[in-house]
C-alpha atoms as a PDB file:
ATOM      1  CA  MET A   1     -66.995 -59.083  68.245  1.00  0.00           C
ATOM      2  CA  LYS A   2     -66.585 -55.347  68.578  1.00  0.00           C
ATOM      3  CA  THR A   3     -65.119 -54.099  72.043  1.00  0.00           C
ATOM      4  CA  THR A   4     -65.074 -50.336  71.514  1.00  0.00           C
ATOM      5  CA  TYR A   5     -68.178 -48.277  71.066  1.00  0.00           C
ATOM      6  CA  PRO A   6     -68.533 -44.529  70.192  1.00  0.00           C
ATOM      7  CA  ILE A   7     -71.420 -43.206  72.484  1.00  0.00           C
ATOM      8  CA  ASN A   8     -72.218 -39.526  72.677  1.00  0.00           C
ATOM      9  CA  ALA A   9     -68.820 -38.572  71.175  1.00  0.00           C
ATOM     10  CA  GLN A  10     -66.729 -40.601  73.717  1.00  0.00           C
ATOM     11  CA  GLN A  11     -65.247 -44.064  73.235  1.00  0.00           C
ATOM     12  CA  TYR A  12     -66.378 -46.785  75.659  1.00  0.00           C
ATOM     13  CA  HIS A  13     -64.797 -50.347  75.784  1.00  0.00           C
ATOM     14  CA  GLN A  14     -65.926 -53.748  77.219  1.00  0.00           C
ATOM     15  CA  HIS A  15     -63.730 -54.505  80.223  1.00  0.00           C
ATOM     16  CA  LEU A  16     -65.305 -57.597  81.645  1.00  0.00           C
ATOM     17  CA  SER A  17     -64.911 -61.089  80.909  1.00  0.00           C
ATOM     18  CA  PRO A  18     -67.507 -63.672  81.903  1.00  0.00           C
ATOM     19  CA  LEU A  19     -65.627 -64.425  85.188  1.00  0.00           C
ATOM     20  CA  GLY A  20     -65.291 -60.635  85.786  1.00  0.00           C
ATOM     21  CA  LEU A  21     -68.844 -59.969  85.307  1.00  0.00           C
ATOM     22  CA  ILE A  22     -69.722 -62.868  87.691  1.00  0.00           C
ATOM     23  CA  SER A  23     -67.392 -61.549  90.301  1.00  0.00           C
ATOM     24  CA  SER A  24     -68.710 -58.009  89.805  1.00  0.00           C
ATOM     25  CA  PHE A  25     -72.254 -59.173  90.477  1.00  0.00           C
ATOM     26  CA  GLY A  26     -71.297 -61.236  93.485  1.00  0.00           C
ATOM     27  CA  GLU A  27     -74.295 -62.109  95.591  1.00  0.00           C
ATOM     28  CA  LYS A  28     -76.599 -60.609  92.803  1.00  0.00           C
ATOM     29  CA  LEU A  29     -75.449 -63.167  90.273  1.00  0.00           C
ATOM     30  CA  PRO A  30     -78.806 -65.135  90.480  1.00  0.00           C
ATOM     31  CA  ARG A  31     -80.608 -61.843  89.526  1.00  0.00           C
ATOM     32  CA  LEU A  32     -78.355 -61.368  86.375  1.00  0.00           C
ATOM     33  CA  LEU A  33     -79.036 -64.948  85.410  1.00  0.00           C
ATOM     34  CA  ALA A  34     -82.795 -64.476  85.931  1.00  0.00           C
ATOM     35  CA  CYS A  35     -82.528 -61.532  83.547  1.00  0.00           C
ATOM     36  CA  VAL A  36     -81.128 -63.693  80.688  1.00  0.00           C
ATOM     37  CA  LEU A  37     -82.643 -67.212  81.411  1.00  0.00           C
ATOM     38  CA  LEU A  38     -86.335 -68.385  80.991  1.00  0.00           C
ATOM     39  CA  PRO A  39     -87.692 -71.648  82.166  1.00  0.00           C
ATOM     40  CA  ASP A  40     -88.889 -73.835  79.408  1.00  0.00           C
ATOM     41  CA  GLY A  41     -92.375 -73.015  78.110  1.00  0.00           C
ATOM     42  CA  LYS A  42     -92.483 -69.558  79.608  1.00  0.00           C
ATOM     43  CA  SER A  43     -92.407 -66.095  78.001  1.00  0.00           C
ATOM     44  CA  PRO A  44     -90.671 -63.105  79.682  1.00  0.00           C
ATOM     45  CA  GLN A  45     -94.215 -61.724  80.456  1.00  0.00           C
ATOM     46  CA  GLU A  46     -94.907 -64.832  82.466  1.00  0.00           C
ATOM     47  CA  VAL A  47     -91.864 -64.928  84.596  1.00  0.00           C
ATOM     48  CA  GLU A  48     -91.743 -63.377  88.016  1.00  0.00           C
ATOM     49  CA  LEU A  49     -88.169 -62.179  88.166  1.00  0.00           C
ATOM     50  CA  ASP A  50     -87.865 -62.450  92.066  1.00  0.00           C
ATOM     51  CA  GLY A  51     -89.258 -66.066  92.093  1.00  0.00           C
ATOM     52  CA  LEU A  52     -86.709 -66.931  89.290  1.00  0.00           C
ATOM     53  CA  GLU A  53     -83.849 -65.366  91.094  1.00  0.00           C
ATOM     54  CA  LYS A  54     -84.687 -67.559  94.143  1.00  0.00           C
ATOM     55  CA  GLU A  55     -84.783 -70.659  91.949  1.00  0.00           C
ATOM     56  CA  LEU A  56     -81.266 -69.754  90.394  1.00  0.00           C
ATOM     57  CA  PHE A  57     -79.653 -69.091  93.789  1.00  0.00           C
ATOM     58  CA  GLU A  58     -78.030 -72.551  93.788  1.00  0.00           C
ATOM     59  CA  VAL A  59     -76.324 -72.226  90.455  1.00  0.00           C
ATOM     60  CA  SER A  60     -72.722 -73.447  90.254  1.00  0.00           C
ATOM     61  CA  LEU A  61     -69.981 -71.228  89.219  1.00  0.00           C
ATOM     62  CA  ASP A  62     -69.244 -73.427  86.033  1.00  0.00           C
ATOM     63  CA  GLN A  63     -72.887 -73.161  85.096  1.00  0.00           C
ATOM     64  CA  ALA A  64     -72.955 -69.410  85.570  1.00  0.00           C
ATOM     65  CA  MET A  65     -69.805 -68.903  83.518  1.00  0.00           C
ATOM     66  CA  GLU A  66     -71.225 -70.924  80.687  1.00  0.00           C
ATOM     67  CA  VAL A  67     -74.446 -68.934  80.741  1.00  0.00           C
ATOM     68  CA  ILE A  68     -72.825 -65.625  80.720  1.00  0.00           C
ATOM     69  CA  ALA A  69     -70.183 -66.569  78.121  1.00  0.00           C
ATOM     70  CA  ASP A  70     -72.899 -67.937  75.887  1.00  0.00           C
ATOM     71  CA  PHE A  71     -75.006 -64.755  76.362  1.00  0.00           C
ATOM     72  CA  LEU A  72     -72.135 -62.400  75.745  1.00  0.00           C
ATOM     73  CA  SER A  73     -70.914 -64.312  72.440  1.00  0.00           C
ATOM     74  CA  MET A  74     -74.501 -64.474  71.094  1.00  0.00           C
ATOM     75  CA  THR A  75     -75.477 -60.863  71.939  1.00  0.00           C
ATOM     76  CA  ASP A  76     -74.012 -58.046  69.777  1.00  0.00           C
ATOM     77  CA  LEU A  77     -74.010 -55.638  72.692  1.00  0.00           C
ATOM     78  CA  GLY A  78     -72.132 -53.023  70.682  1.00  0.00           C
ATOM     79  CA  SER A  79     -74.703 -52.810  67.960  1.00  0.00           C
ATOM     80  CA  LEU A  80     -77.534 -52.489  70.584  1.00  0.00           C
ATOM     81  CA  LEU A  81     -75.522 -49.917  72.477  1.00  0.00           C
ATOM     82  CA  GLU A  82     -74.929 -47.830  69.254  1.00  0.00           C
ATOM     83  CA  LYS A  83     -78.818 -48.074  68.354  1.00  0.00           C
ATOM     84  CA  VAL A  84     -79.800 -47.048  71.862  1.00  0.00           C
ATOM     85  CA  ALA A  85     -77.135 -43.913  71.731  1.00  0.00           C
ATOM     86  CA  LYS A  86     -78.501 -43.006  68.313  1.00  0.00           C
ATOM     87  CA  MET A  87     -82.161 -43.091  69.651  1.00  0.00           C
ATOM     88  CA  ILE A  88     -81.287 -41.047  72.581  1.00  0.00           C
ATOM     89  CA  ALA A  89     -79.450 -38.424  70.660  1.00  0.00           C
ATOM     90  CA  GLY A  90     -82.319 -38.252  68.206  1.00  0.00           C
ATOM     91  CA  ALA A  91     -84.792 -37.740  71.041  1.00  0.00           C
ATOM     92  CA  LEU A  92     -82.770 -34.885  72.656  1.00  0.00           C
ATOM     93  CA  PRO A  93     -83.452 -31.340  71.515  1.00  0.00           C
ATOM     94  CA  PRO A  94     -80.421 -29.720  69.869  1.00  0.00           C
ATOM     95  CA  GLN A  95     -78.534 -27.389  72.186  1.00  0.00           C
ATOM     96  CA  THR A  96     -77.906 -23.910  70.830  1.00  0.00           C
ATOM     97  CA  GLY A  97     -76.073 -21.448  73.086  1.00  0.00           C
ATOM     98  CA  PRO A  98     -76.701 -20.806  76.740  1.00  0.00           C
ATOM     99  CA  LYS A  99     -80.040 -21.672  78.247  1.00  0.00           C
ATOM    100  CA  GLN A 100     -82.525 -18.902  79.054  1.00  0.00           C
ATOM    101  CA  SER A 101     -84.815 -18.821  81.903  1.00  0.00           C
ATOM    102  CA  ALA A 102     -88.425 -19.598  81.279  1.00  0.00           C
ATOM    103  CA  SER A 103     -89.672 -16.300  82.451  1.00  0.00           C
ATOM    104  CA  PRO A 104     -87.624 -13.059  82.667  1.00  0.00           C
ATOM    105  CA  SER A 105     -86.915 -11.648  86.041  1.00  0.00           C
ATOM    106  CA  PRO A 106     -89.227  -8.810  87.120  1.00  0.00           C
ATOM    107  CA  GLU A 107     -87.653  -5.565  87.218  1.00  0.00           C
ATOM    108  CA  VAL A 108     -87.114  -4.019  90.858  1.00  0.00           C
ATOM    109  CA  VAL A 109     -88.718  -0.649  91.114  1.00  0.00           C
ATOM    110  CA  HIS A 110     -87.205   1.670  93.752  1.00  0.00           C
END
């Protein structure tokens, strides 16, 4: 899996392992898990994130590490980030020279 990504003419790199990601989220870990897990038979549109977060509050560290490691190994985040960066770059107007104000300043008559 790729670990360095060119985004907007700058290089970014992944620096978190599953354990690092878990420790970074701390008390928000159930929210992170609620973003990547769905109960059987439910679609993302059917899930209420706050309720699912409460259900996942009692997750063990071992289970959380397994979920995060599996998610990171299955998801090509680099490819996704590159696509998002290209999409954003394509949506932005090209910058040419200094910005001009929308309306000229009125001349002061003395």
